[in-house]
C-alpha atoms as a PDB file:
ATOM      1  CA  MET A   1     -11.466   0.071 -51.021  1.00  0.00           C
ATOM      2  CA  PRO A   2     -12.351   0.830 -47.279  1.00  0.00           C
ATOM      3  CA  ASP A   3     -12.121  -2.077 -44.587  1.00  0.00           C
ATOM      4  CA  PHE A   4     -15.587  -2.418 -42.688  1.00  0.00           C
ATOM      5  CA  THR A   5     -14.241  -4.970 -40.230  1.00  0.00           C
ATOM      6  CA  ASP A   6     -12.597  -2.440 -37.546  1.00  0.00           C
ATOM      7  CA  ASN A   7     -13.704  -3.377 -34.210  1.00  0.00           C
ATOM      8  CA  TYR A   8     -15.797  -0.693 -33.082  1.00  0.00           C
ATOM      9  CA  THR A   9     -17.274  -0.559 -29.610  1.00  0.00           C
ATOM     10  CA  THR A  10     -20.545   0.958 -30.005  1.00  0.00           C
ATOM     11  CA  ILE A  11     -21.522  -0.215 -33.557  1.00  0.00           C
ATOM     12  CA  ARG A  12     -21.060  -3.200 -35.674  1.00  0.00           C
ATOM     13  CA  CYS A  13     -20.595  -2.598 -39.151  1.00  0.00           C
ATOM     14  CA  TRP A  14     -19.981  -5.475 -42.250  1.00  0.00           C
ATOM     15  CA  LYS A  15     -20.529  -5.388 -45.952  1.00  0.00           C
ATOM     16  CA  ALA A  16     -21.769  -8.119 -48.187  1.00  0.00           C
ATOM     17  CA  HIS A  17     -23.027  -7.579 -52.165  1.00  0.00           C
ATOM     18  CA  GLN A  18     -22.678  -4.019 -52.454  1.00  0.00           C
ATOM     19  CA  VAL A  19     -24.544  -3.312 -49.350  1.00  0.00           C
ATOM     20  CA  VAL A  20     -23.483  -2.141 -45.795  1.00  0.00           C
ATOM     21  CA  THR A  21     -25.244  -2.778 -42.519  1.00  0.00           C
ATOM     22  CA  VAL A  22     -24.476  -0.510 -39.714  1.00  0.00           C
ATOM     23  CA  GLU A  23     -25.951  -1.609 -36.511  1.00  0.00           C
ATOM     24  CA  LEU A  24     -25.839   0.611 -33.332  1.00  0.00           C
ATOM     25  CA  ASN A  25     -24.669  -1.884 -30.806  1.00  0.00           C
ATOM     26  CA  ARG A  26     -25.111  -0.637 -27.016  1.00  0.00           C
ATOM     27  CA  PRO A  27     -28.171  -2.778 -26.236  1.00  0.00           C
ATOM     28  CA  GLU A  28     -27.968  -2.376 -22.372  1.00  0.00           C
ATOM     29  CA  LYS A  29     -28.535   1.321 -23.042  1.00  0.00           C
ATOM     30  CA  ARG A  30     -31.083   0.741 -25.599  1.00  0.00           C
ATOM     31  CA  ASN A  31     -28.578   2.010 -28.242  1.00  0.00           C
ATOM     32  CA  ALA A  32     -28.520   5.407 -26.910  1.00  0.00           C
ATOM     33  CA  ILE A  33     -25.862   7.668 -28.664  1.00  0.00           C
ATOM     34  CA  ASN A  34     -22.941   8.714 -26.581  1.00  0.00           C
ATOM     35  CA  SER A  35     -19.687  10.860 -27.631  1.00  0.00           C
ATOM     36  CA  LEU A  36     -18.183   7.273 -28.596  1.00  0.00           C
ATOM     37  CA  MET A  37     -20.821   6.427 -31.037  1.00  0.00           C
ATOM     38  CA  ARG A  38     -21.129   9.696 -32.585  1.00  0.00           C
ATOM     39  CA  ASP A  39     -17.311   9.081 -33.174  1.00  0.00           C
ATOM     40  CA  GLU A  40     -17.574   5.635 -34.453  1.00  0.00           C
ATOM     41  CA  LEU A  41     -20.867   6.640 -36.918  1.00  0.00           C
ATOM     42  CA  ALA A  42     -18.573   9.186 -38.328  1.00  0.00           C
ATOM     43  CA  GLN A  43     -15.886   7.349 -39.081  1.00  0.00           C
ATOM     44  CA  VAL A  44     -17.762   4.489 -40.730  1.00  0.00           C
ATOM     45  CA  MET A  45     -19.884   7.249 -42.883  1.00  0.00           C
ATOM     46  CA  PHE A  46     -16.443   8.445 -44.192  1.00  0.00           C
ATOM     47  CA  LYS A  47     -15.628   4.893 -45.151  1.00  0.00           C
ATOM     48  CA  ILE A  48     -18.684   4.533 -46.879  1.00  0.00           C
ATOM     49  CA  LYS A  49     -18.696   7.758 -48.933  1.00  0.00           C
ATOM     50  CA  GLN A  50     -15.287   6.545 -50.352  1.00  0.00           C
ATOM     51  CA  ASP A  51     -16.312   3.136 -51.548  1.00  0.00           C
ATOM     52  CA  ARG A  52     -18.256   3.418 -54.691  1.00  0.00           C
ATOM     53  CA  ASP A  53     -19.068  -0.323 -54.593  1.00  0.00           C
ATOM     54  CA  ILE A  54     -21.534   0.002 -51.974  1.00  0.00           C
ATOM     55  CA  LYS A  55     -25.026   0.793 -53.356  1.00  0.00           C
ATOM     56  CA  VAL A  56     -27.322   0.659 -50.386  1.00  0.00           C
ATOM     57  CA  LEU A  57     -26.919   1.456 -46.638  1.00  0.00           C
ATOM     58  CA  VAL A  58     -29.081  -0.489 -43.925  1.00  0.00           C
ATOM     59  CA  LEU A  59     -29.509   1.190 -40.418  1.00  0.00           C
ATOM     60  CA  ARG A  60     -30.526  -1.081 -37.470  1.00  0.00           C
ATOM     61  CA  GLY A  61     -30.454  -1.736 -33.772  1.00  0.00           C
ATOM     62  CA  ALA A  62     -29.268  -4.490 -31.652  1.00  0.00           C
ATOM     63  CA  GLY A  63     -31.023  -6.227 -28.794  1.00  0.00           C
ATOM     64  CA  GLY A  64     -34.621  -5.397 -29.727  1.00  0.00           C
ATOM     65  CA  ALA A  65     -34.372  -1.526 -29.911  1.00  0.00           C
ATOM     66  CA  PHE A  66     -33.311   0.990 -32.711  1.00  0.00           C
ATOM     67  CA  CYS A  67     -32.086   3.665 -30.723  1.00  0.00           C
ATOM     68  CA  SER A  68     -33.305   5.244 -27.432  1.00  0.00           C
ATOM     69  CA  GLY A  69     -32.052   8.774 -28.273  1.00  0.00           C
ATOM     70  CA  GLY A  70     -28.915  10.850 -26.658  1.00  0.00           C
ATOM     71  CA  ASP A  71     -27.288   8.991 -23.560  1.00  0.00           C
ATOM     72  CA  ILE A  72     -28.984  10.970 -20.682  1.00  0.00           C
ATOM     73  CA  HIS A  73     -26.081  10.266 -18.592  1.00  0.00           C
ATOM     74  CA  SER A  74     -23.318  11.953 -21.019  1.00  0.00           C
ATOM     75  CA  MET A  75     -25.491  15.256 -21.078  1.00  0.00           C
ATOM     76  CA  THR A  76     -24.611  16.541 -17.958  1.00  0.00           C
ATOM     77  CA  ASP A  77     -20.722  16.643 -19.130  1.00  0.00           C
ATOM     78  CA  ASP A  78     -21.520  19.829 -21.637  1.00  0.00           C
ATOM     79  CA  THR A  79     -23.708  22.026 -19.706  1.00  0.00           C
ATOM     80  CA  GLN A  80     -22.308  25.251 -21.225  1.00  0.00           C
ATOM     81  CA  ALA A  81     -23.818  26.574 -24.369  1.00  0.00           C
ATOM     82  CA  GLU A  82     -20.409  26.334 -26.584  1.00  0.00           C
ATOM     83  CA  GLN A  83     -19.822  22.773 -25.344  1.00  0.00           C
ATOM     84  CA  SER A  84     -23.298  21.462 -26.128  1.00  0.00           C
ATOM     85  CA  ARG A  85     -23.202  23.218 -29.461  1.00  0.00           C
ATOM     86  CA  ASP A  86     -19.874  21.390 -30.351  1.00  0.00           C
ATOM     87  CA  ARG A  87     -21.052  17.981 -29.183  1.00  0.00           C
ATOM     88  CA  MET A  88     -24.594  18.744 -31.365  1.00  0.00           C
ATOM     89  CA  GLN A  89     -22.460  19.585 -34.405  1.00  0.00           C
ATOM     90  CA  ASN A  90     -20.237  16.678 -34.219  1.00  0.00           C
ATOM     91  CA  LEU A  91     -23.499  14.311 -34.408  1.00  0.00           C
ATOM     92  CA  GLN A  92     -24.857  16.747 -37.054  1.00  0.00           C
ATOM     93  CA  ARG A  93     -21.912  16.008 -39.374  1.00  0.00           C
ATOM     94  CA  VAL A  94     -23.232  12.216 -39.096  1.00  0.00           C
ATOM     95  CA  ILE A  95     -26.608  13.454 -40.080  1.00  0.00           C
ATOM     96  CA  TYR A  96     -25.760  15.680 -42.901  1.00  0.00           C
ATOM     97  CA  ASP A  97     -23.760  12.481 -44.538  1.00  0.00           C
ATOM     98  CA  LEU A  98     -26.763  10.090 -44.348  1.00  0.00           C
ATOM     99  CA  PHE A  99     -29.308  12.858 -45.786  1.00  0.00           C
ATOM    100  CA  THR A 100     -26.818  13.642 -48.655  1.00  0.00           C
ATOM    101  CA  LEU A 101     -25.420  10.027 -48.959  1.00  0.00           C
ATOM    102  CA  GLU A 102     -25.579   9.300 -52.938  1.00  0.00           C
ATOM    103  CA  ARG A 103     -27.091   5.840 -51.882  1.00  0.00           C
ATOM    104  CA  PRO A 104     -30.560   5.001 -50.642  1.00  0.00           C
ATOM    105  CA  VAL A 105     -30.593   4.395 -46.851  1.00  0.00           C
ATOM    106  CA  ILE A 106     -32.844   2.037 -45.239  1.00  0.00           C
ATOM    107  CA  ALA A 107     -33.638   1.772 -41.411  1.00  0.00           C
ATOM    108  CA  ALA A 108     -35.301  -1.194 -39.842  1.00  0.00           C
ATOM    109  CA  ILE A 109     -37.151  -0.032 -36.677  1.00  0.00           C
ATOM    110  CA  ASN A 110     -37.631  -2.421 -33.883  1.00  0.00           C
ATOM    111  CA  GLY A 111     -38.404  -1.473 -30.492  1.00  0.00           C
ATOM    112  CA  PRO A 112     -37.683   2.256 -29.486  1.00  0.00           C
ATOM    113  CA  ALA A 113     -36.749   4.844 -31.762  1.00  0.00           C
ATOM    114  CA  TYR A 114     -36.967   8.027 -29.247  1.00  0.00           C
ATOM    115  CA  GLY A 115     -35.762  11.404 -29.591  1.00  0.00           C
ATOM    116  CA  ALA A 116     -32.302  11.484 -31.613  1.00  0.00           C
ATOM    117  CA  GLY A 117     -33.128   7.756 -32.406  1.00  0.00           C
ATOM    118  CA  LEU A 118     -36.372   9.105 -34.416  1.00  0.00           C
ATOM    119  CA  GLY A 119     -34.069  11.836 -35.951  1.00  0.00           C
ATOM    120  CA  LEU A 120     -31.537   9.336 -37.109  1.00  0.00           C
ATOM    121  CA  ALA A 121     -34.134   7.177 -38.656  1.00  0.00           C
ATOM    122  CA  LEU A 122     -35.714   9.876 -40.503  1.00  0.00           C
ATOM    123  CA  THR A 123     -32.663  10.455 -42.253  1.00  0.00           C
ATOM    124  CA  ALA A 124     -33.226   7.100 -44.159  1.00  0.00           C
ATOM    125  CA  ASP A 125     -35.081   7.312 -47.692  1.00  0.00           C
ATOM    126  CA  LEU A 126     -37.030   3.763 -46.710  1.00  0.00           C
ATOM    127  CA  ILE A 127     -38.144   3.044 -43.175  1.00  0.00           C
ATOM    128  CA  ILE A 128     -39.408  -0.190 -42.260  1.00  0.00           C
ATOM    129  CA  ALA A 129     -40.583  -1.198 -38.731  1.00  0.00           C
ATOM    130  CA  SER A 130     -41.669  -4.366 -36.452  1.00  0.00           C
ATOM    131  CA  PRO A 131     -45.183  -3.897 -34.889  1.00  0.00           C
ATOM    132  CA  THR A 132     -43.247  -3.591 -31.558  1.00  0.00           C
ATOM    133  CA  ALA A 133     -41.837  -0.303 -32.742  1.00  0.00           C
ATOM    134  CA  LYS A 134     -42.194   2.753 -30.818  1.00  0.00           C
ATOM    135  CA  PHE A 135     -41.781   6.335 -32.137  1.00  0.00           C
ATOM    136  CA  CYS A 136     -41.494   9.429 -29.917  1.00  0.00           C
ATOM    137  CA  LEU A 137     -40.163  13.175 -30.180  1.00  0.00           C
ATOM    138  CA  SER A 138     -39.153  13.132 -26.248  1.00  0.00           C
ATOM    139  CA  PHE A 139     -37.037  16.068 -26.421  1.00  0.00           C
ATOM    140  CA  LEU A 140     -39.312  18.275 -24.476  1.00  0.00           C
ATOM    141  CA  ARG A 141     -39.759  16.128 -21.746  1.00  0.00           C
ATOM    142  CA  LEU A 142     -36.121  17.131 -20.971  1.00  0.00           C
ATOM    143  CA  GLY A 143     -36.467  20.964 -21.774  1.00  0.00           C
ATOM    144  CA  ALA A 144     -34.375  20.202 -25.129  1.00  0.00           C
ATOM    145  CA  VAL A 145     -35.416  20.822 -28.552  1.00  0.00           C
ATOM    146  CA  PRO A 146     -35.708  18.217 -31.650  1.00  0.00           C
ATOM    147  CA  ASP A 147     -32.258  17.345 -32.930  1.00  0.00           C
ATOM    148  CA  CYS A 148     -30.557  15.201 -35.740  1.00  0.00           C
ATOM    149  CA  GLY A 149     -32.329  17.138 -38.448  1.00  0.00           C
ATOM    150  CA  THR A 150     -35.741  16.435 -36.940  1.00  0.00           C
ATOM    151  CA  PHE A 151     -36.726  20.223 -37.941  1.00  0.00           C
ATOM    152  CA  TYR A 152     -35.716  19.544 -41.420  1.00  0.00           C
ATOM    153  CA  SER A 153     -37.054  15.694 -42.054  1.00  0.00           C
ATOM    154  CA  LEU A 154     -40.297  15.628 -40.014  1.00  0.00           C
ATOM    155  CA  PRO A 155     -42.297  18.530 -41.487  1.00  0.00           C
ATOM    156  CA  ARG A 156     -41.494  17.535 -44.951  1.00  0.00           C
ATOM    157  CA  LEU A 157     -42.972  13.935 -44.175  1.00  0.00           C
ATOM    158  CA  VAL A 158     -46.076  14.813 -41.918  1.00  0.00           C
ATOM    159  CA  GLY A 159     -46.656  18.540 -42.187  1.00  0.00           C
ATOM    160  CA  LEU A 160     -45.654  21.396 -40.305  1.00  0.00           C
ATOM    161  CA  ASN A 161     -48.854  21.045 -38.059  1.00  0.00           C
ATOM    162  CA  THR A 162     -48.389  17.282 -37.528  1.00  0.00           C
ATOM    163  CA  ALA A 163     -44.649  17.784 -36.532  1.00  0.00           C
ATOM    164  CA  LYS A 164     -45.636  20.455 -34.092  1.00  0.00           C
ATOM    165  CA  GLN A 165     -48.046  18.350 -32.160  1.00  0.00           C
ATOM    166  CA  LEU A 166     -45.700  15.387 -32.046  1.00  0.00           C
ATOM    167  CA  ALA A 167     -43.238  17.763 -30.627  1.00  0.00           C
ATOM    168  CA  PHE A 168     -45.053  19.694 -28.239  1.00  0.00           C
ATOM    169  CA  SER A 169     -47.033  16.350 -26.906  1.00  0.00           C
ATOM    170  CA  THR A 170     -44.016  14.091 -26.781  1.00  0.00           C
ATOM    171  CA  ARG A 171     -46.807  11.299 -27.099  1.00  0.00           C
ATOM    172  CA  GLU A 172     -45.559   7.712 -28.263  1.00  0.00           C
ATOM    173  CA  PHE A 173     -47.055   6.427 -31.379  1.00  0.00           C
ATOM    174  CA  ASN A 174     -46.782   2.989 -32.805  1.00  0.00           C
ATOM    175  CA  SER A 175     -46.091   1.621 -36.171  1.00  0.00           C
ATOM    176  CA  GLN A 176     -49.441   1.691 -37.380  1.00  0.00           C
ATOM    177  CA  GLU A 177     -49.615   5.310 -36.775  1.00  0.00           C
ATOM    178  CA  ALA A 178     -46.073   5.831 -38.159  1.00  0.00           C
ATOM    179  CA  LEU A 179     -47.468   3.984 -41.445  1.00  0.00           C
ATOM    180  CA  ASP A 180     -50.755   6.252 -41.574  1.00  0.00           C
ATOM    181  CA  LEU A 181     -48.486   9.255 -41.212  1.00  0.00           C
ATOM    182  CA  GLY A 182     -46.246   8.326 -43.903  1.00  0.00           C
ATOM    183  CA  ILE A 183     -43.147   7.983 -41.783  1.00  0.00           C
ATOM    184  CA  ILE A 184     -42.603   4.468 -42.442  1.00  0.00           C
ATOM    185  CA  SER A 185     -43.073   2.644 -45.666  1.00  0.00           C
ATOM    186  CA  ALA A 186     -44.132  -0.848 -44.322  1.00  0.00           C
ATOM    187  CA  ILE A 187     -44.554  -3.208 -41.394  1.00  0.00           C
ATOM    188  CA  TYR A 188     -43.110  -6.480 -41.032  1.00  0.00           C
ATOM    189  CA  LYS A 189     -42.912  -9.387 -38.193  1.00  0.00           C
ATOM    190  CA  GLU A 190     -40.364  -8.855 -35.759  1.00  0.00           C
ATOM    191  CA  ASP A 191     -38.766 -11.943 -36.853  1.00  0.00           C
ATOM    192  CA  LEU A 192     -38.605 -10.896 -40.592  1.00  0.00           C
ATOM    193  CA  LEU A 193     -37.734  -7.241 -40.090  1.00  0.00           C
ATOM    194  CA  TYR A 194     -33.983  -7.603 -40.783  1.00  0.00           C
ATOM    195  CA  THR A 195     -34.322 -10.074 -43.204  1.00  0.00           C
ATOM    196  CA  GLN A 196     -36.649  -7.756 -45.269  1.00  0.00           C
ATOM    197  CA  ALA A 197     -34.260  -5.084 -44.730  1.00  0.00           C
ATOM    198  CA  GLU A 198     -31.628  -6.934 -46.275  1.00  0.00           C
ATOM    199  CA  TYR A 199     -34.086  -8.168 -49.137  1.00  0.00           C
ATOM    200  CA  MET A 200     -34.829  -4.917 -49.957  1.00  0.00           C
ATOM    201  CA  ALA A 201     -31.248  -3.507 -49.987  1.00  0.00           C
ATOM    202  CA  GLN A 202     -30.049  -6.637 -52.326  1.00  0.00           C
ATOM    203  CA  GLN A 203     -33.015  -5.538 -54.693  1.00  0.00           C
ATOM    204  CA  LEU A 204     -31.805  -1.964 -54.734  1.00  0.00           C
ATOM    205  CA  ALA A 205     -28.252  -3.024 -55.053  1.00  0.00           C
ATOM    206  CA  LYS A 206     -29.086  -4.662 -58.681  1.00  0.00           C
ATOM    207  CA  LEU A 207     -29.853  -0.898 -59.794  1.00  0.00           C
ATOM    208  CA  PRO A 208     -27.168   1.047 -61.527  1.00  0.00           C
ATOM    209  CA  LEU A 209     -25.577   3.348 -59.020  1.00  0.00           C
ATOM    210  CA  SER A 210     -25.984   6.513 -61.095  1.00  0.00           C
ATOM    211  CA  SER A 211     -29.855   5.803 -61.411  1.00  0.00           C
ATOM    212  CA  LEU A 212     -29.882   5.498 -57.580  1.00  0.00           C
ATOM    213  CA  SER A 213     -27.882   8.587 -56.700  1.00  0.00           C
ATOM    214  CA  ILE A 214     -29.537  10.738 -59.271  1.00  0.00           C
ATOM    215  CA  THR A 215     -33.092   9.965 -57.995  1.00  0.00           C
ATOM    216  CA  LYS A 216     -32.061  10.456 -54.222  1.00  0.00           C
ATOM    217  CA  ARG A 217     -30.417  13.998 -55.224  1.00  0.00           C
ATOM    218  CA  ALA A 218     -33.482  15.226 -57.169  1.00  0.00           C
ATOM    219  CA  PHE A 219     -36.013  14.210 -54.796  1.00  0.00           C
ATOM    220  CA  ASN A 220     -33.840  15.788 -52.229  1.00  0.00           C
ATOM    221  CA  ALA A 221     -33.330  18.993 -54.058  1.00  0.00           C
ATOM    222  CA  SER A 222     -37.248  19.159 -55.103  1.00  0.00           C
ATOM    223  CA  LEU A 223     -38.572  20.993 -52.430  1.00  0.00           C
ATOM    224  CA  ASP A 224     -36.140  23.730 -52.494  1.00  0.00           C
ATOM    225  CA  SER A 225     -36.014  24.361 -56.075  1.00  0.00           C
ATOM    226  CA  ASP A 226     -38.365  25.390 -58.916  1.00  0.00           C
ATOM    227  CA  LEU A 227     -40.014  23.574 -62.055  1.00  0.00           C
ATOM    228  CA  ASN A 228     -37.393  24.428 -64.494  1.00  0.00           C
ATOM    229  CA  THR A 229     -34.458  23.420 -62.359  1.00  0.00           C
ATOM    230  CA  MET A 230     -36.294  20.010 -61.631  1.00  0.00           C
ATOM    231  CA  LEU A 231     -37.102  19.483 -65.481  1.00  0.00           C
ATOM    232  CA  GLU A 232     -33.658  20.094 -66.360  1.00  0.00           C
ATOM    233  CA  ILE A 233     -32.034  17.893 -63.659  1.00  0.00           C
ATOM    234  CA  GLU A 234     -34.752  15.084 -64.871  1.00  0.00           C
ATOM    235  CA  ALA A 235     -33.527  15.335 -68.511  1.00  0.00           C
ATOM    236  CA  LEU A 236     -30.002  15.231 -67.486  1.00  0.00           C
ATOM    237  CA  GLY A 237     -30.512  12.362 -65.208  1.00  0.00           C
ATOM    238  CA  GLN A 238     -32.631  10.299 -67.890  1.00  0.00           C
ATOM    239  CA  GLY A 239     -29.850  10.971 -70.191  1.00  0.00           C
ATOM    240  CA  ILE A 240     -27.297   9.094 -67.918  1.00  0.00           C
ATOM    241  CA  ALA A 241     -29.622   6.326 -66.671  1.00  0.00           C
ATOM    242  CA  ARG A 242     -30.730   5.366 -70.213  1.00  0.00           C
ATOM    243  CA  SER A 243     -26.928   5.048 -71.075  1.00  0.00           C
ATOM    244  CA  THR A 244     -26.593   2.200 -68.446  1.00  0.00           C
ATOM    245  CA  ASP A 245     -26.338  -1.650 -69.605  1.00  0.00           C
ATOM    246  CA  PHE A 246     -29.304  -2.199 -67.088  1.00  0.00           C
ATOM    247  CA  HIS A 247     -31.672   0.031 -68.658  1.00  0.00           C
ATOM    248  CA  GLN A 248     -31.114  -1.536 -71.978  1.00  0.00           C
ATOM    249  CA  GLN A 249     -31.225  -5.185 -70.531  1.00  0.00           C
ATOM    250  CA  ALA A 250     -34.411  -3.840 -68.671  1.00  0.00           C
ATOM    251  CA  VAL A 251     -36.075  -3.006 -72.189  1.00  0.00           C
ATOM    252  CA  LYS A 252     -35.117  -5.778 -73.992  1.00  0.00           C
ATOM    253  CA  ASN A 253     -36.617  -8.033 -71.542  1.00  0.00           C
ATOM    254  CA  PHE A 254     -39.783  -6.044 -71.554  1.00  0.00           C
ATOM    255  CA  LYS A 255     -40.074  -6.321 -74.953  1.00  0.00           C
ATOM    256  CA  GLU A 256     -39.358 -10.250 -75.131  1.00  0.00           C
ATOM    257  CA  LYS A 257     -41.837 -10.379 -72.298  1.00  0.00           C
ATOM    258  CA  LYS A 258     -39.264 -11.701 -69.846  1.00  0.00           C
ATOM    259  CA  PRO A 259     -39.366 -11.239 -66.249  1.00  0.00           C
ATOM    260  CA  PRO A 260     -38.269  -7.927 -65.065  1.00  0.00           C
ATOM    261  CA  ILE A 261     -35.062  -7.340 -63.515  1.00  0.00           C
ATOM    262  CA  PHE A 262     -36.371  -5.382 -60.691  1.00  0.00           C
ATOM    263  CA  SER A 263     -39.924  -5.579 -58.960  1.00  0.00           C
ATOM    264  CA  ASN A 264     -41.730  -4.403 -56.082  1.00  0.00           C
ATOM    265  CA  LEU A 265     -39.249  -3.689 -53.381  1.00  0.00           C
ATOM    266  CA  LEU A 266     -41.902  -3.838 -50.654  1.00  0.00           C
ATOM    267  CA  GLN A 267     -43.166  -7.377 -51.120  1.00  0.00           C
ATOM    268  CA  THR A 268     -42.238  -9.759 -48.606  1.00  0.00           C
ATOM    269  CA  LYS A 269     -39.701 -11.987 -49.335  1.00  0.00           C
END
């Protein structure tokens, strides 16, 4: 089983009760992504994929920020197109792993989620935020283009026209607008945010890994698929899900009018 106690420089990582938490840890730079952070995120994602005991991943940031984007001070190192493409593809491997990870990913956003930081947050299946969270597609301010999968994720969440408006305007928006747009699922007070993320993760961890994985994979496939394919995935997935001990116990509890094993995920702990 992979060891998550390695001494990373730009991230912190720990595992408890089938939940792994990855915290971006460059608070002096508002957790901006540099080359070392890219490498360390890639290392930890490899370990997470190997550990079948993990059911949920929580992403968060240290020091009152989620992620302010790419580290601008490191961007002058690779102005050649080929170098810049290589740098971007290294980070894209992490983004791909997050999108396709067969476990739910929860992002807890406190403070800024700008540029690549917003793209990173959008890889999550559930995003919660504090009232002080700030979001911004800031790429065009630097003459750059959206990255970290934003061209893929954002139009699917908010629609094509709204995605273009947020990108071209480069305007900042707050948690309430992010909630109204469907980018985030809920807003929690700053001092409760990480506790709530942990509560949600522990609740999800009660569920069978098979059901979690099938649900995520099916939804991810749905927008690029057809009805017949999705109905077949649904039938096969339900066959697996209904064979689990969890399903049998949940049905038994319902019939006997006992409290459910799993309930509203977004209720405040």
